[in-house]
Amino acid sequence: MRKYEMMMIFKPNLSDEDLKTEEERIKNLILDSGGEFINSNLWGKRKLAYQIEKQNEGIYYLFYFRMPQNKLTEFKKTLKLNMNILRFMILKMEDTVNV
């Protein structure tokens, strides 16, 4: 399994309760894909560099996880269907980086 880092921007109108629900949903997606959840960090609400879906702000969340490479495409497709996510980006991490 490879290590990945995922930056995610949620819609700014989500409550703390909604954010916890989304975090749990993403953890479950990772585990259901045969992956391993490592860590997550909430960066909070920040101004966007440009408007996304008529939003000027977004709630930034950082996730670290391991997942089989062949499951990543299906994982991305599922994330694209989530209406609370404005953008996300997944990067492959080097094996020598400690989280």
N, C-alpha and C. Protein backbone atom coordinates (compact mmCIF):
# COMPACT_ATOMS: atom_id res chain seq x y z
N MET A 1 0.83 -1.19 0.00
CA MET A 1 0.00 0.00 0.00
C MET A 1 0.87 1.24 0.00
N ARG A 2 0.40 2.25 -0.68
CA ARG A 2 1.11 3.52 -0.75
C ARG A 2 0.54 4.51 0.25
N LYS A 3 1.38 5.46 0.65
CA LYS A 3 0.95 6.54 1.53
C LYS A 3 0.49 7.72 0.67
N TYR A 4 -0.59 8.35 1.10
CA TYR A 4 -1.12 9.51 0.38
C TYR A 4 -1.42 10.65 1.35
N GLU A 5 -1.35 11.84 0.80
CA GLU A 5 -1.76 13.05 1.51
C GLU A 5 -2.88 13.68 0.69
N MET A 6 -3.97 14.03 1.33
CA MET A 6 -5.11 14.60 0.61
C MET A 6 -5.52 15.92 1.26
N MET A 7 -5.50 16.98 0.47
CA MET A 7 -6.01 18.28 0.91
C MET A 7 -7.42 18.40 0.36
N MET A 8 -8.34 18.76 1.24
CA MET A 8 -9.74 18.85 0.86
C MET A 8 -10.30 20.20 1.30
N ILE A 9 -11.11 20.80 0.44
CA ILE A 9 -11.77 22.06 0.77
C ILE A 9 -13.27 21.81 0.79
N PHE A 10 -13.86 22.02 1.97
CA PHE A 10 -15.30 21.86 2.13
C PHE A 10 -15.99 23.21 1.98
N LYS A 11 -17.29 23.18 1.74
CA LYS A 11 -18.09 24.40 1.67
C LYS A 11 -18.04 25.12 3.01
N PRO A 12 -18.00 26.46 3.00
CA PRO A 12 -17.80 27.21 4.25
C PRO A 12 -19.01 27.24 5.18
N ASN A 13 -20.18 26.84 4.70
CA ASN A 13 -21.38 26.93 5.53
C ASN A 13 -21.61 25.66 6.37
N LEU A 14 -20.68 24.70 6.37
CA LEU A 14 -20.85 23.48 7.15
C LEU A 14 -20.62 23.76 8.64
N SER A 15 -21.46 23.17 9.47
CA SER A 15 -21.29 23.31 10.92
C SER A 15 -20.20 22.35 11.40
N ASP A 16 -19.81 22.50 12.66
CA ASP A 16 -18.81 21.59 13.24
C ASP A 16 -19.30 20.16 13.22
N GLU A 17 -20.58 19.98 13.46
CA GLU A 17 -21.18 18.65 13.45
C GLU A 17 -21.12 18.04 12.05
N ASP A 18 -21.42 18.84 11.03
CA ASP A 18 -21.36 18.38 9.65
C ASP A 18 -19.94 18.01 9.25
N LEU A 19 -18.96 18.79 9.73
CA LEU A 19 -17.56 18.50 9.43
C LEU A 19 -17.14 17.16 10.03
N LYS A 20 -17.56 16.90 11.27
CA LYS A 20 -17.24 15.62 11.91
C LYS A 20 -17.87 14.46 11.14
N THR A 21 -19.10 14.67 10.65
CA THR A 21 -19.77 13.65 9.86
C THR A 21 -19.01 13.38 8.57
N GLU A 22 -18.56 14.45 7.90
CA GLU A 22 -17.80 14.29 6.66
C GLU A 22 -16.47 13.59 6.92
N GLU A 23 -15.81 13.95 8.02
CA GLU A 23 -14.54 13.30 8.36
C GLU A 23 -14.75 11.80 8.57
N GLU A 24 -15.80 11.44 9.29
CA GLU A 24 -16.09 10.02 9.52
C GLU A 24 -16.43 9.31 8.21
N ARG A 25 -17.14 9.99 7.33
CA ARG A 25 -17.50 9.41 6.04
C ARG A 25 -16.24 9.12 5.22
N ILE A 26 -15.28 10.04 5.24
CA ILE A 26 -14.05 9.85 4.49
C ILE A 26 -13.21 8.74 5.11
N LYS A 27 -13.14 8.69 6.44
CA LYS A 27 -12.43 7.60 7.11
C LYS A 27 -13.01 6.26 6.71
N ASN A 28 -14.34 6.17 6.69
CA ASN A 28 -15.00 4.91 6.32
C ASN A 28 -14.75 4.55 4.86
N LEU A 29 -14.70 5.55 3.98
CA LEU A 29 -14.38 5.29 2.57
C LEU A 29 -12.98 4.70 2.42
N ILE A 30 -12.05 5.25 3.19
CA ILE A 30 -10.67 4.75 3.14
C ILE A 30 -10.62 3.30 3.63
N LEU A 31 -11.27 3.04 4.75
CA LEU A 31 -11.27 1.69 5.32
C LEU A 31 -12.00 0.70 4.42
N ASP A 32 -13.12 1.12 3.82
CA ASP A 32 -13.88 0.24 2.92
C ASP A 32 -13.10 -0.08 1.65
N SER A 33 -12.17 0.79 1.28
CA SER A 33 -11.34 0.56 0.09
C SER A 33 -10.13 -0.31 0.40
N GLY A 34 -10.07 -0.84 1.60
CA GLY A 34 -8.93 -1.67 1.98
C GLY A 34 -7.74 -0.86 2.44
N GLY A 35 -7.97 0.41 2.77
CA GLY A 35 -6.90 1.30 3.18
C GLY A 35 -6.77 1.40 4.68
N GLU A 36 -5.87 2.28 5.08
CA GLU A 36 -5.59 2.52 6.50
C GLU A 36 -5.56 4.03 6.73
N PHE A 37 -6.42 4.52 7.62
CA PHE A 37 -6.46 5.92 7.97
C PHE A 37 -5.32 6.22 8.94
N ILE A 38 -4.54 7.26 8.69
CA ILE A 38 -3.40 7.60 9.55
C ILE A 38 -3.71 8.80 10.43
N ASN A 39 -4.09 9.94 9.81
CA ASN A 39 -4.26 11.16 10.58
C ASN A 39 -5.08 12.16 9.77
N SER A 40 -5.66 13.14 10.48
CA SER A 40 -6.33 14.25 9.80
C SER A 40 -6.10 15.52 10.60
N ASN A 41 -6.03 16.64 9.90
CA ASN A 41 -5.82 17.95 10.52
C ASN A 41 -6.81 18.94 9.93
N LEU A 42 -7.55 19.60 10.80
CA LEU A 42 -8.46 20.66 10.37
C LEU A 42 -7.68 21.96 10.34
N TRP A 43 -7.61 22.60 9.19
CA TRP A 43 -6.91 23.88 9.07
C TRP A 43 -7.85 25.05 9.30
N GLY A 44 -9.15 24.82 9.18
CA GLY A 44 -10.12 25.87 9.43
C GLY A 44 -10.55 26.60 8.17
N LYS A 45 -11.35 27.64 8.37
CA LYS A 45 -11.90 28.41 7.27
C LYS A 45 -10.88 29.42 6.79
N ARG A 46 -10.67 29.44 5.47
CA ARG A 46 -9.70 30.35 4.85
C ARG A 46 -10.28 30.92 3.57
N LYS A 47 -9.75 32.07 3.20
CA LYS A 47 -10.16 32.72 1.96
C LYS A 47 -9.55 31.95 0.77
N LEU A 48 -10.36 31.75 -0.25
CA LEU A 48 -9.90 31.06 -1.46
C LEU A 48 -9.19 32.05 -2.39
N ALA A 49 -8.26 31.57 -3.18
CA ALA A 49 -7.55 32.41 -4.13
C ALA A 49 -8.48 32.90 -5.24
N TYR A 50 -9.48 32.09 -5.56
CA TYR A 50 -10.48 32.44 -6.57
C TYR A 50 -11.78 31.74 -6.20
N GLN A 51 -12.88 32.22 -6.75
CA GLN A 51 -14.18 31.65 -6.43
C GLN A 51 -14.31 30.23 -6.96
N ILE A 52 -14.87 29.37 -6.13
CA ILE A 52 -15.21 28.01 -6.52
C ILE A 52 -16.68 27.82 -6.19
N GLU A 53 -17.48 27.52 -7.19
CA GLU A 53 -18.93 27.35 -7.02
C GLU A 53 -19.54 28.54 -6.27
N LYS A 54 -19.14 29.74 -6.66
CA LYS A 54 -19.61 31.01 -6.10
C LYS A 54 -19.28 31.18 -4.62
N GLN A 55 -18.26 30.49 -4.14
CA GLN A 55 -17.81 30.60 -2.74
C GLN A 55 -16.47 31.32 -2.71
N ASN A 56 -16.30 32.23 -1.74
CA ASN A 56 -15.04 32.95 -1.57
C ASN A 56 -14.19 32.36 -0.46
N GLU A 57 -14.79 31.51 0.38
CA GLU A 57 -14.09 30.86 1.49
C GLU A 57 -14.32 29.36 1.44
N GLY A 58 -13.47 28.64 2.15
CA GLY A 58 -13.63 27.20 2.24
C GLY A 58 -13.00 26.70 3.53
N ILE A 59 -13.42 25.53 3.96
CA ILE A 59 -12.87 24.91 5.16
C ILE A 59 -11.86 23.85 4.70
N TYR A 60 -10.61 24.07 5.07
CA TYR A 60 -9.52 23.20 4.64
C TYR A 60 -9.32 22.05 5.62
N TYR A 61 -9.13 20.86 5.07
CA TYR A 61 -8.90 19.66 5.86
C TYR A 61 -7.78 18.87 5.20
N LEU A 62 -6.86 18.34 5.99
CA LEU A 62 -5.74 17.57 5.49
C LEU A 62 -5.86 16.14 6.02
N PHE A 63 -5.76 15.16 5.13
CA PHE A 63 -5.86 13.74 5.50
C PHE A 63 -4.59 13.00 5.08
N TYR A 64 -4.16 12.07 5.92
CA TYR A 64 -3.06 11.16 5.60
C TYR A 64 -3.61 9.74 5.69
N PHE A 65 -3.29 8.93 4.67
CA PHE A 65 -3.81 7.56 4.67
C PHE A 65 -2.96 6.67 3.77
N ARG A 66 -3.17 5.38 3.92
CA ARG A 66 -2.58 4.38 3.03
C ARG A 66 -3.71 3.71 2.29
N MET A 67 -3.45 3.37 1.01
CA MET A 67 -4.48 2.71 0.22
C MET A 67 -3.82 1.95 -0.92
N PRO A 68 -4.39 0.80 -1.29
CA PRO A 68 -3.88 0.11 -2.48
C PRO A 68 -4.04 1.00 -3.71
N GLN A 69 -3.05 1.00 -4.53
CA GLN A 69 -3.03 1.89 -5.69
C GLN A 69 -4.22 1.65 -6.62
N ASN A 70 -4.65 0.40 -6.76
CA ASN A 70 -5.74 0.10 -7.69
C ASN A 70 -7.11 0.55 -7.17
N LYS A 71 -7.22 0.95 -5.92
CA LYS A 71 -8.49 1.42 -5.34
C LYS A 71 -8.62 2.94 -5.39
N LEU A 72 -7.56 3.64 -5.74
CA LEU A 72 -7.54 5.10 -5.68
C LEU A 72 -8.51 5.74 -6.67
N THR A 73 -8.63 5.20 -7.86
CA THR A 73 -9.53 5.78 -8.86
C THR A 73 -10.98 5.73 -8.40
N GLU A 74 -11.40 4.61 -7.86
CA GLU A 74 -12.77 4.48 -7.35
C GLU A 74 -13.00 5.42 -6.16
N PHE A 75 -11.98 5.58 -5.33
CA PHE A 75 -12.05 6.49 -4.18
C PHE A 75 -12.27 7.92 -4.66
N LYS A 76 -11.54 8.34 -5.68
CA LYS A 76 -11.69 9.69 -6.23
C LYS A 76 -13.08 9.90 -6.82
N LYS A 77 -13.60 8.90 -7.52
CA LYS A 77 -14.94 9.01 -8.11
C LYS A 77 -15.99 9.22 -7.02
N THR A 78 -15.85 8.52 -5.91
CA THR A 78 -16.79 8.66 -4.81
C THR A 78 -16.71 10.06 -4.20
N LEU A 79 -15.50 10.59 -4.05
CA LEU A 79 -15.34 11.94 -3.49
C LEU A 79 -15.96 13.00 -4.39
N LYS A 80 -15.88 12.81 -5.70
CA LYS A 80 -16.43 13.80 -6.64
C LYS A 80 -17.95 13.89 -6.53
N LEU A 81 -18.60 12.85 -6.03
CA LEU A 81 -20.05 12.85 -5.90
C LEU A 81 -20.53 13.56 -4.63
N ASN A 82 -19.61 13.85 -3.71
CA ASN A 82 -19.97 14.51 -2.45
C ASN A 82 -20.19 16.00 -2.71
N MET A 83 -21.40 16.47 -2.44
CA MET A 83 -21.76 17.86 -2.73
C MET A 83 -21.16 18.87 -1.75
N ASN A 84 -20.64 18.41 -0.61
CA ASN A 84 -20.05 19.31 0.39
C ASN A 84 -18.58 19.62 0.12
N ILE A 85 -17.98 18.91 -0.83
CA ILE A 85 -16.57 19.11 -1.16
C ILE A 85 -16.45 20.05 -2.35
N LEU A 86 -15.71 21.16 -2.15
CA LEU A 86 -15.47 22.08 -3.26
C LEU A 86 -14.33 21.57 -4.15
N ARG A 87 -13.23 21.17 -3.54
CA ARG A 87 -12.05 20.66 -4.26
C ARG A 87 -11.30 19.68 -3.37
N PHE A 88 -10.55 18.79 -4.02
CA PHE A 88 -9.62 17.94 -3.28
C PHE A 88 -8.45 17.61 -4.18
N MET A 89 -7.33 17.32 -3.56
CA MET A 89 -6.13 16.93 -4.29
C MET A 89 -5.41 15.85 -3.49
N ILE A 90 -5.03 14.78 -4.16
CA ILE A 90 -4.35 13.66 -3.51
C ILE A 90 -2.93 13.56 -4.06
N LEU A 91 -1.95 13.53 -3.16
CA LEU A 91 -0.55 13.40 -3.53
C LEU A 91 0.03 12.12 -2.95
N LYS A 92 0.87 11.46 -3.74
CA LYS A 92 1.57 10.29 -3.23
C LYS A 92 2.75 10.77 -2.40
N MET A 93 2.91 10.19 -1.21
CA MET A 93 4.00 10.58 -0.32
C MET A 93 5.17 9.63 -0.49
N GLU A 94 6.35 10.14 -0.23
CA GLU A 94 7.55 9.32 -0.23
C GLU A 94 7.51 8.42 1.01
N ASP A 95 8.12 7.26 0.93
CA ASP A 95 8.12 6.32 2.05
C ASP A 95 8.94 6.81 3.23
N THR A 96 9.87 7.73 2.99
CA THR A 96 10.75 8.18 4.09
C THR A 96 10.14 9.30 4.93
N VAL A 97 9.00 9.85 4.51
CA VAL A 97 8.37 10.95 5.23
C VAL A 97 7.55 10.38 6.39
N ASN A 98 7.78 10.90 7.60
CA ASN A 98 7.00 10.47 8.76
C ASN A 98 5.86 11.44 9.01
N VAL A 99 4.71 10.90 9.32
CA VAL A 99 3.54 11.74 9.58
C VAL A 99 3.28 11.76 11.06
